[in-house]
N, C-alpha and C. Protein backbone atom coordinates (compact mmCIF):
# COMPACT_ATOMS: atom_id res chain seq x y z
N MET A 1 -15.35 -5.04 -13.69
CA MET A 1 -14.60 -5.53 -12.54
C MET A 1 -15.09 -4.79 -11.29
N ILE A 2 -15.66 -5.51 -10.35
CA ILE A 2 -16.13 -4.89 -9.11
C ILE A 2 -15.00 -4.89 -8.09
N GLN A 3 -15.23 -4.22 -6.95
CA GLN A 3 -14.17 -4.02 -5.96
C GLN A 3 -13.55 -5.33 -5.51
N SER A 4 -14.33 -6.36 -5.23
CA SER A 4 -13.74 -7.62 -4.74
C SER A 4 -12.86 -8.27 -5.81
N GLU A 5 -13.28 -8.18 -7.07
CA GLU A 5 -12.45 -8.71 -8.16
C GLU A 5 -11.18 -7.89 -8.30
N LEU A 6 -11.29 -6.59 -8.12
CA LEU A 6 -10.12 -5.72 -8.18
C LEU A 6 -9.15 -6.04 -7.05
N ASP A 7 -9.68 -6.24 -5.84
CA ASP A 7 -8.85 -6.61 -4.70
C ASP A 7 -8.15 -7.95 -4.97
N GLN A 8 -8.88 -8.89 -5.52
CA GLN A 8 -8.30 -10.20 -5.83
C GLN A 8 -7.18 -10.06 -6.87
N ALA A 9 -7.39 -9.25 -7.90
CA ALA A 9 -6.36 -9.05 -8.92
C ALA A 9 -5.13 -8.37 -8.33
N PHE A 10 -5.35 -7.40 -7.43
CA PHE A 10 -4.24 -6.70 -6.77
C PHE A 10 -3.45 -7.66 -5.88
N ARG A 11 -4.16 -8.46 -5.09
CA ARG A 11 -3.48 -9.44 -4.21
C ARG A 11 -2.73 -10.48 -5.03
N SER A 12 -3.34 -10.89 -6.13
CA SER A 12 -2.69 -11.87 -7.00
C SER A 12 -1.37 -11.31 -7.53
N LEU A 13 -1.38 -10.06 -7.93
CA LEU A 13 -0.16 -9.42 -8.40
C LEU A 13 0.88 -9.37 -7.28
N LEU A 14 0.46 -8.97 -6.07
CA LEU A 14 1.39 -8.88 -4.94
C LEU A 14 2.00 -10.23 -4.58
N ASN A 15 1.23 -11.30 -4.80
CA ASN A 15 1.71 -12.64 -4.46
C ASN A 15 2.38 -13.36 -5.62
N SER A 16 2.53 -12.68 -6.75
CA SER A 16 3.22 -13.29 -7.88
C SER A 16 4.71 -13.42 -7.56
N ALA A 17 5.36 -14.37 -8.20
CA ALA A 17 6.78 -14.60 -7.95
C ALA A 17 7.61 -13.35 -8.20
N SER A 18 7.32 -12.63 -9.28
CA SER A 18 8.12 -11.44 -9.61
C SER A 18 7.92 -10.34 -8.57
N ALA A 19 6.69 -10.13 -8.10
CA ALA A 19 6.44 -9.09 -7.09
C ALA A 19 7.05 -9.49 -5.74
N LEU A 20 6.94 -10.76 -5.37
CA LEU A 20 7.51 -11.19 -4.10
C LEU A 20 9.04 -11.09 -4.08
N ARG A 21 9.67 -11.34 -5.23
CA ARG A 21 11.14 -11.15 -5.30
C ARG A 21 11.49 -9.69 -5.00
N LEU A 22 10.71 -8.78 -5.52
CA LEU A 22 10.94 -7.35 -5.26
C LEU A 22 10.69 -7.02 -3.79
N ALA A 23 9.63 -7.57 -3.22
CA ALA A 23 9.30 -7.30 -1.82
C ALA A 23 10.38 -7.80 -0.88
N ARG A 24 10.98 -8.93 -1.22
CA ARG A 24 11.99 -9.52 -0.34
C ARG A 24 13.32 -8.76 -0.35
N ARG A 25 13.45 -7.78 -1.22
CA ARG A 25 14.64 -6.93 -1.19
C ARG A 25 14.67 -6.09 0.09
N THR A 26 13.49 -5.76 0.65
CA THR A 26 13.43 -4.99 1.89
C THR A 26 12.59 -5.65 2.97
N GLY A 27 11.66 -6.52 2.58
CA GLY A 27 10.75 -7.14 3.54
C GLY A 27 11.17 -8.54 3.92
N LYS A 28 10.69 -8.98 5.06
CA LYS A 28 11.02 -10.30 5.60
C LYS A 28 9.74 -11.07 5.91
N GLY A 29 9.89 -12.35 6.17
CA GLY A 29 8.77 -13.17 6.63
C GLY A 29 7.91 -13.71 5.52
N GLU A 30 6.83 -14.38 5.93
CA GLU A 30 5.91 -15.00 4.99
C GLU A 30 5.26 -13.97 4.07
N ASN A 31 4.89 -12.81 4.62
CA ASN A 31 4.33 -11.73 3.82
C ASN A 31 5.28 -10.54 3.90
N PRO A 32 6.26 -10.45 2.98
CA PRO A 32 7.24 -9.37 3.07
C PRO A 32 6.63 -7.98 2.91
N TRP A 33 5.43 -7.91 2.31
CA TRP A 33 4.77 -6.60 2.19
C TRP A 33 4.41 -6.06 3.57
N ARG A 34 4.15 -6.97 4.51
CA ARG A 34 3.84 -6.56 5.88
C ARG A 34 5.07 -6.65 6.77
N GLY A 35 6.16 -7.18 6.24
CA GLY A 35 7.36 -7.38 7.03
C GLY A 35 8.48 -6.44 6.65
N GLY A 36 8.15 -5.21 6.26
CA GLY A 36 9.19 -4.23 5.98
C GLY A 36 9.16 -3.63 4.59
N ALA A 37 8.36 -4.18 3.69
CA ALA A 37 8.33 -3.66 2.32
C ALA A 37 7.13 -2.74 2.07
N CYS A 38 6.47 -2.29 3.15
CA CYS A 38 5.27 -1.47 2.97
C CYS A 38 5.57 -0.14 2.27
N LEU A 39 6.74 0.45 2.53
CA LEU A 39 7.06 1.73 1.90
C LEU A 39 7.31 1.55 0.41
N VAL A 40 8.00 0.48 0.03
CA VAL A 40 8.22 0.19 -1.39
C VAL A 40 6.87 0.04 -2.09
N LEU A 41 5.98 -0.73 -1.49
CA LEU A 41 4.66 -0.93 -2.07
C LEU A 41 3.88 0.37 -2.13
N ALA A 42 3.85 1.11 -1.04
CA ALA A 42 3.08 2.36 -0.99
C ALA A 42 3.58 3.35 -2.04
N GLU A 43 4.88 3.51 -2.17
CA GLU A 43 5.39 4.46 -3.17
C GLU A 43 5.09 3.98 -4.58
N ALA A 44 5.14 2.67 -4.80
CA ALA A 44 4.83 2.14 -6.14
C ALA A 44 3.36 2.37 -6.47
N VAL A 45 2.47 2.10 -5.53
CA VAL A 45 1.04 2.30 -5.76
C VAL A 45 0.75 3.78 -5.96
N PHE A 46 1.38 4.63 -5.18
CA PHE A 46 1.21 6.08 -5.29
C PHE A 46 1.64 6.56 -6.68
N ALA A 47 2.77 6.09 -7.16
CA ALA A 47 3.24 6.47 -8.51
C ALA A 47 2.32 5.91 -9.59
N TRP A 48 1.83 4.69 -9.40
CA TRP A 48 0.96 4.03 -10.37
C TRP A 48 -0.39 4.75 -10.49
N LEU A 49 -1.01 5.07 -9.35
CA LEU A 49 -2.31 5.73 -9.37
C LEU A 49 -2.20 7.20 -9.73
N GLY A 50 -1.08 7.82 -9.34
CA GLY A 50 -0.86 9.24 -9.61
C GLY A 50 -1.22 10.10 -8.41
N GLU A 51 -0.37 11.07 -8.13
CA GLU A 51 -0.59 11.90 -6.95
C GLU A 51 -1.80 12.81 -7.08
N ASP A 52 -2.34 12.95 -8.29
CA ASP A 52 -3.58 13.72 -8.45
C ASP A 52 -4.79 12.90 -8.02
N GLN A 53 -4.64 11.59 -7.90
CA GLN A 53 -5.73 10.70 -7.50
C GLN A 53 -5.59 10.17 -6.07
N ALA A 54 -4.36 9.96 -5.64
CA ALA A 54 -4.12 9.23 -4.39
C ALA A 54 -3.23 10.02 -3.44
N GLN A 55 -3.17 9.54 -2.20
CA GLN A 55 -2.30 10.13 -1.18
C GLN A 55 -1.49 9.03 -0.51
N LEU A 56 -0.26 9.35 -0.18
CA LEU A 56 0.59 8.46 0.62
C LEU A 56 0.32 8.77 2.08
N TRP A 57 0.03 7.74 2.88
CA TRP A 57 -0.29 7.92 4.29
C TRP A 57 0.66 7.14 5.17
N GLU A 58 0.83 7.66 6.38
CA GLU A 58 1.66 7.01 7.39
C GLU A 58 0.81 6.73 8.62
N LEU A 59 0.92 5.52 9.12
CA LEU A 59 0.29 5.12 10.36
C LEU A 59 1.45 4.77 11.29
N SER A 60 1.64 5.57 12.33
CA SER A 60 2.82 5.43 13.18
C SER A 60 2.42 5.14 14.62
N PHE A 61 3.08 4.14 15.20
CA PHE A 61 2.90 3.76 16.59
C PHE A 61 4.25 3.85 17.28
N GLY A 62 4.77 5.02 17.47
CA GLY A 62 6.09 5.16 18.06
C GLY A 62 7.15 4.68 17.09
N VAL A 63 7.79 3.56 17.41
CA VAL A 63 8.86 3.05 16.55
C VAL A 63 8.32 2.23 15.38
N GLN A 64 7.08 1.77 15.46
CA GLN A 64 6.49 0.98 14.38
C GLN A 64 5.74 1.91 13.43
N VAL A 65 6.05 1.76 12.13
CA VAL A 65 5.45 2.62 11.11
C VAL A 65 4.91 1.74 9.98
N HIS A 66 3.75 2.13 9.47
CA HIS A 66 3.16 1.44 8.31
C HIS A 66 2.77 2.49 7.29
N PHE A 67 3.16 2.26 6.04
CA PHE A 67 2.78 3.16 4.95
C PHE A 67 1.76 2.48 4.06
N PHE A 68 0.81 3.26 3.57
CA PHE A 68 -0.19 2.77 2.64
C PHE A 68 -0.64 3.91 1.75
N VAL A 69 -1.41 3.60 0.74
CA VAL A 69 -1.94 4.61 -0.16
C VAL A 69 -3.44 4.69 0.02
N ARG A 70 -3.92 5.91 0.01
CA ARG A 70 -5.34 6.15 0.18
C ARG A 70 -5.90 6.76 -1.10
N LEU A 71 -7.02 6.18 -1.56
CA LEU A 71 -7.77 6.69 -2.71
C LEU A 71 -9.20 6.85 -2.22
N GLY A 72 -9.58 8.07 -1.88
CA GLY A 72 -10.89 8.28 -1.25
C GLY A 72 -10.90 7.56 0.09
N ASP A 73 -11.88 6.69 0.28
CA ASP A 73 -11.97 5.92 1.52
C ASP A 73 -11.39 4.52 1.39
N TRP A 74 -10.64 4.27 0.32
CA TRP A 74 -9.99 2.98 0.07
C TRP A 74 -8.52 3.05 0.46
N ALA A 75 -8.00 1.94 0.97
CA ALA A 75 -6.59 1.83 1.33
C ALA A 75 -5.95 0.70 0.53
N PHE A 76 -4.75 0.94 0.04
CA PHE A 76 -3.94 -0.06 -0.67
C PHE A 76 -2.73 -0.35 0.19
N ASP A 77 -2.56 -1.62 0.57
CA ASP A 77 -1.34 -2.03 1.27
C ASP A 77 -1.10 -3.51 1.00
N GLY A 78 -0.21 -4.12 1.73
CA GLY A 78 0.15 -5.51 1.49
C GLY A 78 -0.96 -6.50 1.76
N ASP A 79 -2.04 -6.05 2.40
CA ASP A 79 -3.20 -6.91 2.62
C ASP A 79 -4.21 -6.79 1.49
N GLY A 80 -3.98 -5.89 0.55
CA GLY A 80 -4.89 -5.73 -0.58
C GLY A 80 -5.52 -4.35 -0.61
N ILE A 81 -6.73 -4.30 -1.16
CA ILE A 81 -7.50 -3.06 -1.25
C ILE A 81 -8.69 -3.22 -0.32
N SER A 82 -8.80 -2.32 0.63
CA SER A 82 -9.88 -2.41 1.61
C SER A 82 -10.30 -1.00 2.03
N PRO A 83 -11.48 -0.88 2.63
CA PRO A 83 -11.84 0.42 3.20
C PRO A 83 -10.81 0.81 4.27
N VAL A 84 -10.55 2.10 4.40
CA VAL A 84 -9.57 2.58 5.38
C VAL A 84 -9.94 2.09 6.78
N ASP A 85 -11.23 2.07 7.11
CA ASP A 85 -11.66 1.60 8.44
C ASP A 85 -11.23 0.16 8.70
N GLU A 86 -11.27 -0.68 7.66
CA GLU A 86 -10.83 -2.07 7.82
C GLU A 86 -9.33 -2.15 8.07
N LEU A 87 -8.56 -1.31 7.38
CA LEU A 87 -7.11 -1.28 7.62
C LEU A 87 -6.84 -0.93 9.08
N LEU A 88 -7.52 0.08 9.59
CA LEU A 88 -7.32 0.48 10.98
C LEU A 88 -7.76 -0.63 11.93
N SER A 89 -8.85 -1.31 11.62
CA SER A 89 -9.31 -2.43 12.46
C SER A 89 -8.28 -3.55 12.51
N ARG A 90 -7.64 -3.84 11.37
CA ARG A 90 -6.60 -4.89 11.36
C ARG A 90 -5.49 -4.54 12.34
N TRP A 91 -5.11 -3.27 12.39
CA TRP A 91 -4.04 -2.87 13.30
C TRP A 91 -4.50 -2.94 14.75
N MET A 92 -5.77 -2.63 15.02
CA MET A 92 -6.28 -2.74 16.39
C MET A 92 -6.31 -4.19 16.85
N VAL A 93 -6.67 -5.11 15.95
CA VAL A 93 -6.69 -6.53 16.27
C VAL A 93 -5.30 -7.01 16.68
N GLN A 94 -4.28 -6.40 16.11
CA GLN A 94 -2.90 -6.78 16.46
C GLN A 94 -2.48 -6.19 17.80
N GLY A 95 -3.39 -5.49 18.46
CA GLY A 95 -3.10 -4.97 19.79
C GLY A 95 -2.50 -3.58 19.81
N LEU A 96 -2.53 -2.88 18.70
CA LEU A 96 -1.96 -1.54 18.67
C LEU A 96 -3.04 -0.51 19.03
N ASP A 97 -2.65 0.43 19.87
CA ASP A 97 -3.57 1.43 20.38
C ASP A 97 -3.67 2.59 19.39
N LEU A 98 -4.77 2.65 18.66
CA LEU A 98 -4.94 3.71 17.66
C LEU A 98 -5.11 5.08 18.30
N GLU A 99 -5.47 5.11 19.58
CA GLU A 99 -5.61 6.40 20.27
C GLU A 99 -4.25 7.12 20.35
N ARG A 100 -3.19 6.33 20.39
CA ARG A 100 -1.85 6.92 20.49
C ARG A 100 -1.13 6.97 19.14
N ALA A 101 -1.78 6.52 18.11
CA ALA A 101 -1.15 6.45 16.79
C ALA A 101 -1.25 7.78 16.06
N THR A 102 -0.28 8.02 15.20
CA THR A 102 -0.31 9.14 14.27
C THR A 102 -0.81 8.59 12.94
N PHE A 103 -1.80 9.23 12.38
CA PHE A 103 -2.45 8.76 11.16
C PHE A 103 -2.63 9.97 10.25
N GLU A 104 -1.70 10.12 9.26
CA GLU A 104 -1.73 11.35 8.45
C GLU A 104 -1.09 11.16 7.09
N PRO A 105 -1.49 12.03 6.14
CA PRO A 105 -0.82 12.01 4.83
C PRO A 105 0.63 12.46 5.00
N VAL A 106 1.48 11.96 4.12
CA VAL A 106 2.91 12.27 4.22
C VAL A 106 3.48 12.40 2.81
N SER A 107 4.49 13.21 2.66
CA SER A 107 5.15 13.34 1.36
C SER A 107 6.09 12.16 1.14
N VAL A 108 6.42 11.92 -0.11
CA VAL A 108 7.37 10.86 -0.43
C VAL A 108 8.70 11.12 0.27
N ALA A 109 9.17 12.36 0.23
CA ALA A 109 10.45 12.70 0.86
C ALA A 109 10.42 12.42 2.36
N ALA A 110 9.33 12.79 3.03
CA ALA A 110 9.21 12.54 4.47
C ALA A 110 9.16 11.04 4.75
N ALA A 111 8.45 10.29 3.92
CA ALA A 111 8.36 8.84 4.10
C ALA A 111 9.74 8.21 3.99
N GLU A 112 10.52 8.65 3.03
CA GLU A 112 11.86 8.07 2.83
C GLU A 112 12.81 8.45 3.95
N ARG A 113 12.51 9.52 4.69
CA ARG A 113 13.33 9.90 5.84
C ARG A 113 12.90 9.19 7.12
N SER A 114 11.87 8.37 7.04
CA SER A 114 11.29 7.73 8.23
C SER A 114 12.19 6.68 8.86
N GLY A 115 13.15 6.19 8.11
CA GLY A 115 14.00 5.12 8.62
C GLY A 115 13.55 3.74 8.15
N VAL A 116 12.38 3.66 7.52
CA VAL A 116 11.91 2.39 6.96
C VAL A 116 12.76 2.10 5.73
N GLU A 117 13.21 0.85 5.62
CA GLU A 117 14.08 0.48 4.51
C GLU A 117 13.36 0.70 3.18
N PHE A 118 14.11 1.20 2.20
CA PHE A 118 13.53 1.53 0.92
C PHE A 118 14.45 1.08 -0.20
N ASP A 119 13.86 0.78 -1.36
CA ASP A 119 14.63 0.28 -2.49
C ASP A 119 14.03 0.87 -3.77
N ASP A 120 14.75 1.80 -4.40
CA ASP A 120 14.27 2.45 -5.63
C ASP A 120 14.02 1.45 -6.75
N TYR A 121 14.93 0.50 -6.90
CA TYR A 121 14.79 -0.49 -7.97
C TYR A 121 13.49 -1.27 -7.80
N ALA A 122 13.23 -1.76 -6.58
CA ALA A 122 12.02 -2.54 -6.32
C ALA A 122 10.77 -1.69 -6.58
N ARG A 123 10.78 -0.45 -6.14
CA ARG A 123 9.62 0.43 -6.39
C ARG A 123 9.39 0.60 -7.88
N ASN A 124 10.43 0.92 -8.62
CA ASN A 124 10.28 1.18 -10.06
C ASN A 124 9.81 -0.07 -10.82
N ARG A 125 10.33 -1.23 -10.48
CA ARG A 125 9.89 -2.48 -11.13
C ARG A 125 8.45 -2.81 -10.76
N LEU A 126 8.07 -2.53 -9.52
CA LEU A 126 6.70 -2.80 -9.09
C LEU A 126 5.72 -1.87 -9.80
N VAL A 127 6.10 -0.62 -10.01
CA VAL A 127 5.25 0.30 -10.78
C VAL A 127 5.00 -0.28 -12.17
N LEU A 128 6.04 -0.80 -12.81
CA LEU A 128 5.88 -1.40 -14.14
C LEU A 128 4.93 -2.60 -14.11
N LEU A 129 5.06 -3.46 -13.10
CA LEU A 129 4.15 -4.60 -12.97
C LEU A 129 2.70 -4.14 -12.82
N LEU A 130 2.49 -3.15 -11.98
CA LEU A 130 1.14 -2.62 -11.78
C LEU A 130 0.58 -2.05 -13.08
N GLN A 131 1.39 -1.28 -13.79
CA GLN A 131 0.95 -0.67 -15.04
C GLN A 131 0.61 -1.73 -16.09
N GLN A 132 1.36 -2.81 -16.12
CA GLN A 132 1.13 -3.87 -17.10
C GLN A 132 -0.13 -4.67 -16.81
N ARG A 133 -0.43 -4.88 -15.54
CA ARG A 133 -1.51 -5.80 -15.19
C ARG A 133 -2.82 -5.14 -14.77
N LEU A 134 -2.76 -3.93 -14.27
CA LEU A 134 -3.97 -3.26 -13.79
C LEU A 134 -3.98 -1.80 -14.27
N PRO A 135 -4.82 -1.47 -15.22
CA PRO A 135 -4.86 -0.08 -15.70
C PRO A 135 -5.33 0.88 -14.59
N ALA A 136 -4.49 1.81 -14.23
CA ALA A 136 -4.79 2.72 -13.12
C ALA A 136 -6.09 3.50 -13.33
N GLU A 137 -6.36 3.91 -14.56
CA GLU A 137 -7.57 4.69 -14.82
C GLU A 137 -8.82 3.87 -14.51
N ARG A 138 -8.78 2.61 -14.85
CA ARG A 138 -9.92 1.73 -14.59
C ARG A 138 -10.08 1.49 -13.09
N VAL A 139 -8.97 1.29 -12.41
CA VAL A 139 -8.99 1.06 -10.96
C VAL A 139 -9.60 2.26 -10.25
N THR A 140 -9.13 3.46 -10.56
CA THR A 140 -9.65 4.65 -9.88
C THR A 140 -11.12 4.87 -10.22
N ALA A 141 -11.51 4.62 -11.45
CA ALA A 141 -12.92 4.79 -11.83
C ALA A 141 -13.81 3.85 -11.04
N ILE A 142 -13.41 2.59 -10.92
CA ILE A 142 -14.20 1.59 -10.19
C ILE A 142 -14.32 1.98 -8.72
N LEU A 143 -13.19 2.30 -8.09
CA LEU A 143 -13.22 2.60 -6.66
C LEU A 143 -13.91 3.92 -6.36
N ASN A 144 -13.81 4.88 -7.25
CA ASN A 144 -14.51 6.14 -7.03
C ASN A 144 -16.02 5.97 -7.13
N GLN A 145 -16.47 5.01 -7.93
CA GLN A 145 -17.90 4.73 -8.07
C GLN A 145 -18.43 3.87 -6.94
N HIS A 146 -17.58 3.10 -6.29
CA HIS A 146 -18.00 2.16 -5.25
C HIS A 146 -17.32 2.50 -3.93
N GLN A 147 -17.65 3.64 -3.37
CA GLN A 147 -17.07 3.99 -2.07
C GLN A 147 -17.64 3.07 -1.00
N PRO A 148 -16.82 2.69 -0.03
CA PRO A 148 -17.28 1.77 1.03
C PRO A 148 -18.37 2.41 1.89
């Protein structure tokens, strides 16, 4: 499984009916992962990959905050698996000034204090879905071998 196939499998899981039901517990809109459920997703991916492999990151623009998981130079968020530079480019395209943004690793406790809505049940169920459909060891091995 190469990176693009892995990204496709990850996106497919995120767009499955069961995952979208979980996302809609905190997220809104057509893509609830981008509409408020980013913290649920980030914490689930962080737990799935393991804190010895991955980091939870916060991208903050004043009152707007986005959480994602970083594995080397790869980012996991509601848009899929992409190089971190591509994630930042997506935010710039939306008109956000990265010069004024805070971009740093964050602890789970600090993320949960951010004010972004969170749901333990959704996170825990999403971890189970990830574990069932995508073996974390295989994912980390592939991405560690194919750095962007």
